[in-house]
């Protein structure tokens, strides 16, 4: 600390008095050498005396005398300043006198309070506690997962059969995906026709874990079983309850784990098969592989049926299977075989093929708010960064397996002139997750909107007659 001393004997006397009143350990804080070492050095530097007691007595008297003199001078200085202040207050003030006073009056000296004993050790204890809490938090989360799969590709459309696709939809899907390693699927839900399928090698593969998109099938099953309605509170432990709409919008895993355990594996499997999981979704599509729905429940140590209903663990679902299910939701309950025309002649002679009709029309309004909330304020809200023209209902999914991360987003756009279903599936490293797939979907819808694609569409919603309540 540096001070600007004025040539004022009264100010010097006050400073001397203040310094004498400071505790020794407070003064020692600004000295680079520890106090105990300075004391030893001072003792070693002093000459030896045959009469130490007398020397100490004389030194004490001198210090006391100086302190008394300083206090007397300081008292006089304080009294003098007070008198001067009263005199100045009784006179009219001018700018010149104020400036002169500011130049001659010394600045206030602020002396730091003495350090608290043990302060440094307490700070070290706090730092150590924080580090321990951070370590415990990390251990609860488990080890950081390392992703080794590539998130990008230079061969996105290599080998795709495009002659029977809608060129506007395909161009929009390619534009949205860019060079990301993924597939984009667009379906007309009124007849099951695949309008575009970018990166067909990935789209027709054996699929991957559905992650949280499995919650769509679990929701329909629980609604059909009568376990819940849109506003039914489900107890998730203690006093914590949740209803369907926020559970879908925010993809709350414990909610769907609870529903899965209540239904049991056999009922969950039955509904999943009815919705097309575990069977081919396409009709004579070359290269399509079959996803897998297990015949037995996941072991309890791995989460059992609850884990299957929240993450889809142990299940392999293809983009076509998810697209067929969302198409059935979009059209009111008709589960079509998906068809991918490969020539203009096949387009001209296209005939829809119904796999089965599901009695889900009364259930769809119960889950609609949750799917719409996913896009408006939930896990898929990144879609709205590029598209807000009309409602989009969907569901995200994020999970990983052996260093590969999966990102899903399945949706249908509720346009004024019809509906279109899209499925975006990403596969790679850390950038691949559900919100990213939703963002790409928004860019796809934006490209279609800018191309005036929706102006020529018209809704053709199918009726539903078959009940799911029949025995497996």
Protein backbone atom coordinates (compact mmCIF):
# COMPACT_ATOMS: atom_id res chain seq x y z
CA UNK A 1 0.00 0.00 0.00
CA UNK A 2 1.47 3.38 -1.00
CA UNK A 3 0.37 6.63 0.67
CA UNK A 4 0.76 10.22 -0.51
CA UNK A 5 2.22 12.02 2.51
CA UNK A 6 1.73 15.79 2.73
CA UNK A 7 4.17 17.96 4.55
CA UNK A 8 1.86 18.36 7.50
CA UNK A 9 3.17 17.55 10.99
CA UNK A 10 -0.32 17.01 12.37
CA UNK A 11 -1.11 14.43 9.70
CA UNK A 12 2.21 12.67 10.38
CA UNK A 13 1.41 12.50 14.08
CA UNK A 14 -2.02 10.95 13.41
CA UNK A 15 -0.47 8.36 11.14
CA UNK A 16 2.11 7.47 13.77
CA UNK A 17 -0.63 7.01 16.36
CA UNK A 18 -2.64 4.79 14.01
CA UNK A 19 0.35 2.62 13.18
CA UNK A 20 1.20 2.17 16.87
CA UNK A 21 -2.37 0.96 17.56
CA UNK A 22 -2.22 -1.78 14.90
CA UNK A 23 -1.79 -5.38 16.11
CA UNK A 24 1.56 -6.79 15.17
CA UNK A 25 0.11 -9.73 13.16
CA UNK A 26 -1.85 -7.24 10.97
CA UNK A 27 1.32 -5.37 10.06
CA UNK A 28 3.04 -8.65 9.34
CA UNK A 29 0.63 -9.52 6.56
CA UNK A 30 2.29 -7.11 4.11
CA UNK A 31 5.84 -8.28 4.92
CA UNK A 32 7.27 -10.98 2.67
CA UNK A 33 9.09 -12.72 5.55
CA UNK A 34 7.02 -14.69 8.13
CA UNK A 35 6.75 -13.04 11.53
CA UNK A 36 8.52 -15.83 13.44
CA UNK A 37 11.51 -15.66 11.11
CA UNK A 38 11.76 -11.88 11.39
CA UNK A 39 11.69 -12.13 15.16
CA UNK A 40 14.57 -14.62 15.08
CA UNK A 41 16.51 -12.45 12.63
CA UNK A 42 16.01 -9.34 14.80
CA UNK A 43 17.19 -11.21 17.88
CA UNK A 44 20.28 -12.43 16.08
CA UNK A 45 21.11 -8.95 14.74
CA UNK A 46 20.93 -7.21 18.18
CA UNK A 47 24.22 -6.89 20.07
CA UNK A 48 24.51 -8.87 23.27
CA UNK A 49 24.14 -6.93 26.55
CA UNK A 50 25.10 -7.79 30.06
CA UNK A 51 21.97 -6.05 31.41
CA UNK A 52 19.01 -7.18 29.26
CA UNK A 53 16.43 -6.41 31.95
CA UNK A 54 17.48 -2.82 32.26
CA UNK A 55 17.56 -2.43 28.50
CA UNK A 56 14.00 -3.72 28.18
CA UNK A 57 12.79 -1.36 30.89
CA UNK A 58 14.41 1.65 29.25
CA UNK A 59 12.96 0.70 25.82
CA UNK A 60 9.48 0.27 27.28
CA UNK A 61 9.59 3.70 28.91
CA UNK A 62 10.74 5.28 25.65
CA UNK A 63 7.91 3.65 23.69
CA UNK A 64 5.34 4.74 26.27
CA UNK A 65 6.70 8.29 26.23
CA UNK A 66 6.51 8.46 22.44
CA UNK A 67 2.96 7.06 22.43
CA UNK A 68 1.83 9.65 25.02
CA UNK A 69 3.37 12.46 23.01
CA UNK A 70 1.76 11.22 19.83
CA UNK A 71 -1.65 11.00 21.48
CA UNK A 72 -1.32 14.55 22.79
CA UNK A 73 -0.33 15.88 19.38
CA UNK A 74 -3.17 13.96 17.74
CA UNK A 75 -5.73 15.37 20.18
CA UNK A 76 -4.57 18.89 19.47
CA UNK A 77 -4.70 18.22 15.73
CA UNK A 78 -8.26 16.91 15.96
CA UNK A 79 -9.37 19.92 17.98
CA UNK A 80 -7.68 22.28 15.53
CA UNK A 81 -9.36 20.66 12.53
CA UNK A 82 -12.76 20.80 14.22
CA UNK A 83 -12.34 24.52 14.93
CA UNK A 84 -11.25 25.16 11.37
CA UNK A 85 -14.29 23.27 10.05
CA UNK A 86 -16.64 25.38 12.17
CA UNK A 87 -15.00 28.56 10.91
CA UNK A 88 -15.30 27.49 7.28
CA UNK A 89 -18.93 26.54 7.77
CA UNK A 90 -19.77 30.02 9.05
CA UNK A 91 -18.30 31.67 5.92
CA UNK A 92 -19.80 31.75 2.39
CA UNK A 93 -18.22 29.03 0.30
CA UNK A 94 -16.60 29.75 -3.07
CA UNK A 95 -15.31 27.52 -5.80
CA UNK A 96 -11.75 28.67 -5.28
CA UNK A 97 -11.75 28.04 -1.53
CA UNK A 98 -13.29 24.59 -2.06
CA UNK A 99 -10.60 23.63 -4.56
CA UNK A 100 -7.87 24.90 -2.27
CA UNK A 101 -9.28 22.92 0.64
CA UNK A 102 -9.43 19.77 -1.48
CA UNK A 103 -5.74 20.17 -2.33
CA UNK A 104 -4.59 20.63 1.25
CA UNK A 105 -6.83 18.12 3.04
CA UNK A 106 -5.21 14.63 3.21
CA UNK A 107 -7.15 11.63 1.86
CA UNK A 108 -8.70 9.22 4.32
CA UNK A 109 -6.50 6.29 5.18
CA UNK A 110 -8.20 2.90 5.29
CA UNK A 111 -6.34 0.30 7.31
CA UNK A 112 -7.34 -3.30 6.67
CA UNK A 113 -8.60 -5.20 9.73
CA UNK A 114 -6.25 -7.81 11.11
CA UNK A 115 -6.49 -11.23 9.51
CA UNK A 116 -8.66 -13.71 11.35
CA UNK A 117 -6.81 -16.52 12.98
CA UNK A 118 -7.21 -19.75 10.96
CA UNK A 119 -8.74 -18.00 7.94
CA UNK A 120 -6.32 -19.59 5.46
CA UNK A 121 -6.84 -23.05 6.87
CA UNK A 122 -10.62 -22.63 6.69
CA UNK A 123 -10.40 -21.57 3.04
CA UNK A 124 -8.34 -24.66 2.30
CA UNK A 125 -10.98 -26.78 4.03
CA UNK A 126 -13.77 -25.18 1.94
CA UNK A 127 -11.84 -25.79 -1.29
CA UNK A 128 -11.23 -29.39 -0.34
CA UNK A 129 -14.92 -29.90 0.49
CA UNK A 130 -15.99 -28.51 -2.86
CA UNK A 131 -13.58 -30.78 -4.68
CA UNK A 132 -14.91 -33.77 -2.74
CA UNK A 133 -18.53 -32.89 -3.57
CA UNK A 134 -17.64 -32.50 -7.24
CA UNK A 135 -15.97 -35.92 -7.19
CA UNK A 136 -18.98 -37.53 -5.51
CA UNK A 137 -21.31 -35.94 -8.07
CA UNK A 138 -19.21 -37.29 -10.91
CA UNK A 139 -19.13 -40.77 -9.37
CA UNK A 140 -22.94 -40.73 -9.12
CA UNK A 141 -23.19 -39.86 -12.80
CA UNK A 142 -20.72 -42.56 -13.70
CA UNK A 143 -17.72 -42.30 -15.98
CA UNK A 144 -17.77 -39.90 -18.89
CA UNK A 145 -18.78 -41.81 -22.02
CA UNK A 146 -16.36 -41.74 -24.93
CA UNK A 147 -17.79 -41.67 -28.43
CA UNK A 148 -15.67 -43.09 -31.22
CA UNK A 149 -18.11 -43.22 -34.16
CA UNK A 150 -17.84 -40.71 -36.98
CA UNK A 151 -20.60 -38.08 -37.11
CA UNK A 152 -19.98 -37.05 -40.71
CA UNK A 153 -19.99 -38.68 -44.10
CA UNK A 154 -19.05 -37.85 -47.70
CA UNK A 155 -21.26 -40.60 -49.17
CA UNK A 156 -24.69 -39.61 -47.83
CA UNK A 157 -26.64 -40.43 -51.00
CA UNK A 158 -24.37 -43.09 -52.48
CA UNK A 159 -26.44 -45.94 -53.92
CA UNK A 160 -29.84 -44.32 -53.31
CA UNK A 161 -32.68 -45.23 -55.70
CA UNK A 162 -34.40 -41.91 -56.45
CA UNK A 163 -36.48 -42.34 -59.63
CA UNK A 164 -39.75 -42.85 -57.73
CA UNK A 165 -39.24 -40.16 -55.09
CA UNK A 166 -40.64 -36.66 -54.85
CA UNK A 167 -37.74 -34.45 -56.03
CA UNK A 168 -38.79 -31.45 -53.91
CA UNK A 169 -38.95 -33.49 -50.69
CA UNK A 170 -35.68 -35.26 -51.45
CA UNK A 171 -33.86 -32.01 -52.14
CA UNK A 172 -35.15 -30.55 -48.86
CA UNK A 173 -34.02 -33.63 -46.89
CA UNK A 174 -30.54 -33.59 -48.43
CA UNK A 175 -30.20 -29.90 -47.71
CA UNK A 176 -31.22 -30.38 -44.07
CA UNK A 177 -28.86 -33.30 -43.41
CA UNK A 178 -25.82 -31.70 -44.99
CA UNK A 179 -22.81 -33.92 -44.34
CA UNK A 180 -24.10 -35.45 -41.10
CA UNK A 181 -24.14 -39.22 -40.85
CA UNK A 182 -27.86 -39.89 -40.77
CA UNK A 183 -30.99 -40.64 -42.71
CA UNK A 184 -34.12 -38.62 -43.38
CA UNK A 185 -37.42 -40.24 -44.26
CA UNK A 186 -40.60 -38.51 -45.48
CA UNK A 187 -43.91 -40.39 -45.72
CA UNK A 188 -47.39 -39.54 -46.91
CA UNK A 189 -49.48 -40.83 -43.95
CA UNK A 190 -52.63 -41.02 -46.02
CA UNK A 191 -51.35 -43.96 -48.09
CA UNK A 192 -47.96 -45.11 -46.80
CA UNK A 193 -45.94 -43.90 -49.78
CA UNK A 194 -42.32 -43.03 -49.03
CA UNK A 195 -41.80 -39.63 -50.62
CA UNK A 196 -38.05 -39.51 -49.98
CA UNK A 197 -35.49 -41.70 -48.25
CA UNK A 198 -32.02 -40.15 -48.03
CA UNK A 199 -29.12 -42.48 -47.18
CA UNK A 200 -31.10 -45.62 -47.90
CA UNK A 201 -28.31 -47.88 -46.71
CA UNK A 202 -28.79 -46.59 -43.16
CA UNK A 203 -32.58 -46.30 -43.40
CA UNK A 204 -32.97 -49.95 -44.46
CA UNK A 205 -30.43 -51.34 -41.98
CA UNK A 206 -31.23 -53.46 -38.96
CA UNK A 207 -32.01 -50.37 -36.93
CA UNK A 208 -30.87 -49.23 -33.54
CA UNK A 209 -32.10 -48.72 -30.02
CA UNK A 210 -35.21 -46.52 -30.28
CA UNK A 211 -34.25 -44.52 -27.20
CA UNK A 212 -37.13 -42.33 -25.98
CA UNK A 213 -39.17 -42.65 -29.17
CA UNK A 214 -40.40 -45.96 -27.71
CA UNK A 215 -42.50 -43.81 -25.36
CA UNK A 216 -45.01 -43.23 -28.15
CA UNK A 217 -45.85 -46.94 -28.23
CA UNK A 218 -45.86 -47.14 -24.42
CA UNK A 219 -48.22 -44.16 -24.23
CA UNK A 220 -50.71 -45.70 -26.66
CA UNK A 221 -50.55 -49.00 -24.77
CA UNK A 222 -51.16 -47.40 -21.36
CA UNK A 223 -54.02 -45.30 -22.73
CA UNK A 224 -55.65 -48.34 -24.35
CA UNK A 225 -55.26 -50.35 -21.14
CA UNK A 226 -57.06 -47.60 -19.22
CA UNK A 227 -54.13 -46.96 -16.88
CA UNK A 228 -53.98 -43.26 -17.63
CA UNK A 229 -55.62 -40.35 -19.34
CA UNK A 230 -54.08 -37.04 -20.23
CA UNK A 231 -54.62 -35.58 -16.73
CA UNK A 232 -54.10 -38.74 -14.63
CA UNK A 233 -51.40 -38.14 -11.99
CA UNK A 234 -48.91 -41.00 -11.82
CA UNK A 235 -46.98 -41.37 -8.57
CA UNK A 236 -43.25 -41.58 -9.18
CA UNK A 237 -42.24 -41.99 -5.57
CA UNK A 238 -43.00 -40.08 -2.39
CA UNK A 239 -45.26 -37.12 -3.07
CA UNK A 240 -44.02 -36.59 -6.64
CA UNK A 241 -46.67 -37.13 -9.31
CA UNK A 242 -46.76 -36.32 -13.02
CA UNK A 243 -49.30 -36.31 -15.82
CA UNK A 244 -48.91 -37.43 -19.43
CA UNK A 245 -48.45 -34.09 -21.22
CA UNK A 246 -45.28 -32.90 -19.40
CA UNK A 247 -43.97 -36.47 -19.25
CA UNK A 248 -44.06 -36.70 -23.05
CA UNK A 249 -42.92 -33.14 -23.69
CA UNK A 250 -39.89 -33.43 -21.41
CA UNK A 251 -39.37 -37.18 -21.91
CA UNK A 252 -39.47 -38.07 -18.20
CA UNK A 253 -38.05 -41.60 -17.91
CA UNK A 254 -39.46 -42.59 -14.45
CA UNK A 255 -43.00 -41.90 -15.67
CA UNK A 256 -42.75 -44.43 -18.51
CA UNK A 257 -40.81 -46.90 -16.40
CA UNK A 258 -43.73 -46.85 -13.96
CA UNK A 259 -46.25 -47.45 -16.75
CA UNK A 260 -44.16 -50.32 -18.12
CA UNK A 261 -43.93 -52.06 -14.76
CA UNK A 262 -47.67 -51.69 -14.21
CA UNK A 263 -48.50 -53.27 -17.57
CA UNK A 264 -45.85 -55.98 -17.41
CA UNK A 265 -43.65 -57.29 -20.19
CA UNK A 266 -46.21 -59.47 -21.94
CA UNK A 267 -48.73 -56.64 -22.44
CA UNK A 268 -46.02 -54.21 -23.46
CA UNK A 269 -44.69 -56.69 -26.02
CA UNK A 270 -48.16 -57.36 -27.39
CA UNK A 271 -48.83 -53.69 -28.06
CA UNK A 272 -45.37 -53.18 -29.55
CA UNK A 273 -45.99 -55.99 -32.04
CA UNK A 274 -49.39 -54.55 -32.90
CA UNK A 275 -47.73 -51.22 -33.68
CA UNK A 276 -45.32 -52.93 -36.08
CA UNK A 277 -42.19 -53.45 -33.99
CA UNK A 278 -40.48 -56.75 -34.66
CA UNK A 279 -41.79 -57.04 -38.24
CA UNK A 280 -40.98 -55.55 -41.62
CA UNK A 281 -42.52 -52.13 -42.12
CA UNK A 282 -42.09 -51.98 -45.88
CA UNK A 283 -43.76 -53.85 -48.71
CA UNK A 284 -41.24 -55.43 -51.06
CA UNK A 285 -38.56 -52.83 -50.39
CA UNK A 286 -35.22 -54.33 -51.54
CA UNK A 287 -32.61 -54.42 -48.78
CA UNK A 288 -34.94 -53.76 -45.85
CA UNK A 289 -33.82 -55.49 -42.68
CA UNK A 290 -35.93 -56.49 -39.72
CA UNK A 291 -35.75 -54.77 -36.38
CA UNK A 292 -35.82 -56.88 -33.24
CA UNK A 293 -38.25 -56.93 -30.34
CA UNK A 294 -37.01 -59.44 -27.72
CA UNK A 295 -39.04 -62.46 -26.68
CA UNK A 296 -38.10 -62.07 -23.03
CA UNK A 297 -37.87 -59.22 -20.58
CA UNK A 298 -34.63 -57.41 -19.95
CA UNK A 299 -32.93 -58.77 -16.78
CA UNK A 300 -33.86 -56.96 -13.59
CA UNK A 301 -30.22 -55.98 -13.06
CA UNK A 302 -30.42 -54.03 -16.33
CA UNK A 303 -33.70 -52.33 -15.51
CA UNK A 304 -36.27 -54.88 -16.66
CA UNK A 305 -39.39 -53.84 -18.53
CA UNK A 306 -39.17 -50.33 -17.06
CA UNK A 307 -35.91 -49.70 -18.88
CA UNK A 308 -37.38 -51.11 -22.08
CA UNK A 309 -40.27 -48.64 -21.85
CA UNK A 310 -38.15 -45.56 -21.14
CA UNK A 311 -34.99 -46.07 -23.23
CA UNK A 312 -36.04 -48.93 -25.49
CA UNK A 313 -33.08 -50.91 -24.21
CA UNK A 314 -32.79 -54.35 -25.72
CA UNK A 315 -34.98 -53.32 -28.69
CA UNK A 316 -33.85 -52.63 -32.25
CA UNK A 317 -36.14 -50.38 -34.28
CA UNK A 318 -35.71 -49.22 -37.88
CA UNK A 319 -36.54 -45.74 -39.19
CA UNK A 320 -39.23 -47.35 -41.36
CA UNK A 321 -40.91 -48.99 -38.35
CA UNK A 322 -40.99 -45.69 -36.48
CA UNK A 323 -42.26 -43.91 -39.58
CA UNK A 324 -45.12 -46.41 -40.00
CA UNK A 325 -46.17 -45.97 -36.35
CA UNK A 326 -46.15 -42.16 -36.50
CA UNK A 327 -48.07 -42.33 -39.78
CA UNK A 328 -50.77 -44.37 -38.02
CA UNK A 329 -50.96 -41.69 -35.32
CA UNK A 330 -51.14 -38.96 -37.97
CA UNK A 331 -53.90 -40.60 -40.01
CA UNK A 332 -56.07 -41.77 -37.11
CA UNK A 333 -55.12 -45.44 -36.81
CA UNK A 334 -54.31 -47.07 -40.17
CA UNK A 335 -50.99 -48.91 -40.11
CA UNK A 336 -49.90 -49.02 -43.75
CA UNK A 337 -47.18 -51.08 -45.32
CA UNK A 338 -44.67 -48.48 -46.45
CA UNK A 339 -43.96 -48.51 -50.18
CA UNK A 340 -41.03 -46.97 -52.01
CA UNK A 341 -41.75 -46.58 -55.73
CA UNK A 342 -38.67 -46.92 -57.92
CA UNK A 343 -40.06 -45.92 -61.33
CA UNK A 344 -42.56 -43.40 -62.70
CA UNK A 345 -44.77 -46.33 -63.67
CA UNK A 346 -44.95 -47.52 -60.06
CA UNK A 347 -45.96 -44.03 -59.02
CA UNK A 348 -48.77 -43.98 -61.61
CA UNK A 349 -50.08 -47.38 -60.49
CA UNK A 350 -49.56 -46.87 -56.76
CA UNK A 351 -52.05 -48.68 -54.51
CA UNK A 352 -51.99 -48.33 -50.69
CA UNK A 353 -51.60 -51.57 -48.72
CA UNK A 354 -53.04 -51.72 -45.21
CA UNK A 355 -51.28 -53.94 -42.68
CA UNK A 356 -53.86 -53.48 -39.92
CA UNK A 357 -56.19 -50.86 -38.55
CA UNK A 358 -55.70 -49.82 -34.95
CA UNK A 359 -58.37 -48.50 -32.63
CA UNK A 360 -56.31 -45.55 -31.46
CA UNK A 361 -58.40 -42.64 -32.78
CA UNK A 362 -59.95 -41.95 -29.32
CA UNK A 363 -56.48 -42.11 -27.75
CA UNK A 364 -54.67 -39.66 -30.01
CA UNK A 365 -56.23 -36.48 -28.50
CA UNK A 366 -54.96 -37.60 -25.09
CA UNK A 367 -51.34 -37.61 -26.28
CA UNK A 368 -51.52 -34.78 -28.80
CA UNK A 369 -50.69 -32.04 -26.29
CA UNK A 370 -47.61 -33.93 -25.14
CA UNK A 371 -46.31 -34.41 -28.69
CA UNK A 372 -46.99 -30.78 -29.53
CA UNK A 373 -45.37 -29.69 -26.27
CA UNK A 374 -42.24 -31.59 -27.24
CA UNK A 375 -41.75 -29.13 -30.09
CA UNK A 376 -43.10 -25.99 -28.44
CA UNK A 377 -41.22 -26.14 -25.12
CA UNK A 378 -39.82 -29.64 -24.60
CA UNK A 379 -36.93 -31.74 -25.83
CA UNK A 380 -37.63 -30.98 -29.51
CA UNK A 381 -37.95 -27.20 -29.23
CA UNK A 382 -34.80 -26.73 -31.36
CA UNK A 383 -37.09 -27.34 -34.35
CA UNK A 384 -38.69 -23.95 -33.75
CA UNK A 385 -35.39 -22.17 -34.36
CA UNK A 386 -36.04 -22.47 -38.08
CA UNK A 387 -39.74 -23.28 -38.48
CA UNK A 388 -42.87 -21.83 -36.85
CA UNK A 389 -45.44 -21.67 -39.64
CA UNK A 390 -47.80 -24.41 -38.38
CA UNK A 391 -48.01 -27.06 -35.63
CA UNK A 392 -45.53 -29.93 -35.58
CA UNK A 393 -46.04 -32.87 -33.24
CA UNK A 394 -43.17 -35.21 -32.47
CA UNK A 395 -40.92 -37.12 -30.11
CA UNK A 396 -37.16 -37.07 -29.60
CA UNK A 397 -34.84 -39.90 -28.61
CA UNK A 398 -31.23 -39.92 -27.42
CA UNK A 399 -29.10 -42.86 -26.30
CA UNK A 400 -25.82 -44.61 -27.09
CA UNK A 401 -24.24 -48.02 -27.47
CA UNK A 402 -20.56 -49.03 -27.59
CA UNK A 403 -19.19 -45.61 -28.44
CA UNK A 404 -21.94 -44.70 -30.92
CA UNK A 405 -24.57 -42.10 -30.10
CA UNK A 406 -28.06 -42.12 -31.61
CA UNK A 407 -30.35 -39.16 -32.20
CA UNK A 408 -33.99 -39.66 -33.22
CA UNK A 409 -36.83 -37.33 -34.05
CA UNK A 410 -40.14 -38.54 -35.47
CA UNK A 411 -42.92 -36.08 -36.23
CA UNK A 412 -45.83 -35.11 -38.38
CA UNK A 413 -46.63 -31.62 -39.58
CA UNK A 414 -50.25 -30.64 -39.12
CA UNK A 415 -50.47 -28.33 -42.13
CA UNK A 416 -53.61 -26.48 -43.25
CA UNK A 417 -53.68 -28.60 -46.43
CA UNK A 418 -52.59 -32.02 -45.24
CA UNK A 419 -50.02 -33.92 -43.22
CA UNK A 420 -46.55 -35.26 -43.81
CA UNK A 421 -44.55 -37.59 -41.56
CA UNK A 422 -40.79 -37.28 -41.16
CA UNK A 423 -38.22 -39.41 -39.36
CA UNK A 424 -34.65 -38.21 -38.85
CA UNK A 425 -32.14 -40.67 -37.44
CA UNK A 426 -28.54 -39.65 -36.65
CA UNK A 427 -25.67 -41.97 -35.83
CA UNK A 428 -22.20 -40.96 -34.72
CA UNK A 429 -20.47 -39.17 -31.87
CA UNK A 430 -21.42 -36.56 -29.29
CA UNK A 431 -23.14 -34.11 -31.73
CA UNK A 432 -25.76 -36.76 -32.53
CA UNK A 433 -28.75 -36.55 -30.18
CA UNK A 434 -32.47 -36.01 -30.28
CA UNK A 435 -32.53 -32.18 -30.21
CA UNK A 436 -30.12 -32.12 -33.15
CA UNK A 437 -32.43 -34.41 -35.13
CA UNK A 438 -35.32 -32.07 -34.27
CA UNK A 439 -33.30 -29.11 -35.51
CA UNK A 440 -32.66 -30.86 -38.83
CA UNK A 441 -36.38 -31.65 -39.12
CA UNK A 442 -37.17 -27.96 -38.71
CA UNK A 443 -34.78 -27.16 -41.54
CA UNK A 444 -36.48 -29.81 -43.69
CA UNK A 445 -39.91 -28.31 -43.05
CA UNK A 446 -38.52 -24.84 -43.73
CA UNK A 447 -37.17 -25.93 -47.12
CA UNK A 448 -40.52 -27.51 -48.02
CA UNK A 449 -42.40 -24.39 -46.95
CA UNK A 450 -40.14 -22.15 -48.98
CA UNK A 451 -40.79 -24.38 -51.98
CA UNK A 452 -44.59 -24.02 -51.54
CA UNK A 453 -44.79 -27.79 -51.21
CA UNK A 454 -47.76 -27.81 -48.85
CA UNK A 455 -50.03 -25.78 -51.10
CA UNK A 456 -50.97 -28.82 -53.20
CA UNK A 457 -51.50 -31.31 -50.35
CA UNK A 458 -54.90 -32.49 -49.10
CA UNK A 459 -55.69 -34.58 -46.03
CA UNK A 460 -56.94 -38.15 -46.48
CA UNK A 461 -57.46 -39.52 -43.01
CA UNK A 462 -58.36 -43.17 -42.67
CA UNK A 463 -61.05 -44.55 -40.40
CA UNK A 464 -60.22 -47.03 -37.65
CA UNK A 465 -62.21 -50.13 -36.71
CA UNK A 466 -59.92 -52.68 -35.10
CA UNK A 467 -59.61 -52.80 -31.30
CA UNK A 468 -56.31 -53.46 -29.62
CA UNK A 469 -57.93 -54.99 -26.59
CA UNK A 470 -58.08 -58.45 -28.11
CA UNK A 471 -55.90 -61.08 -26.51
CA UNK A 472 -52.38 -61.59 -27.82
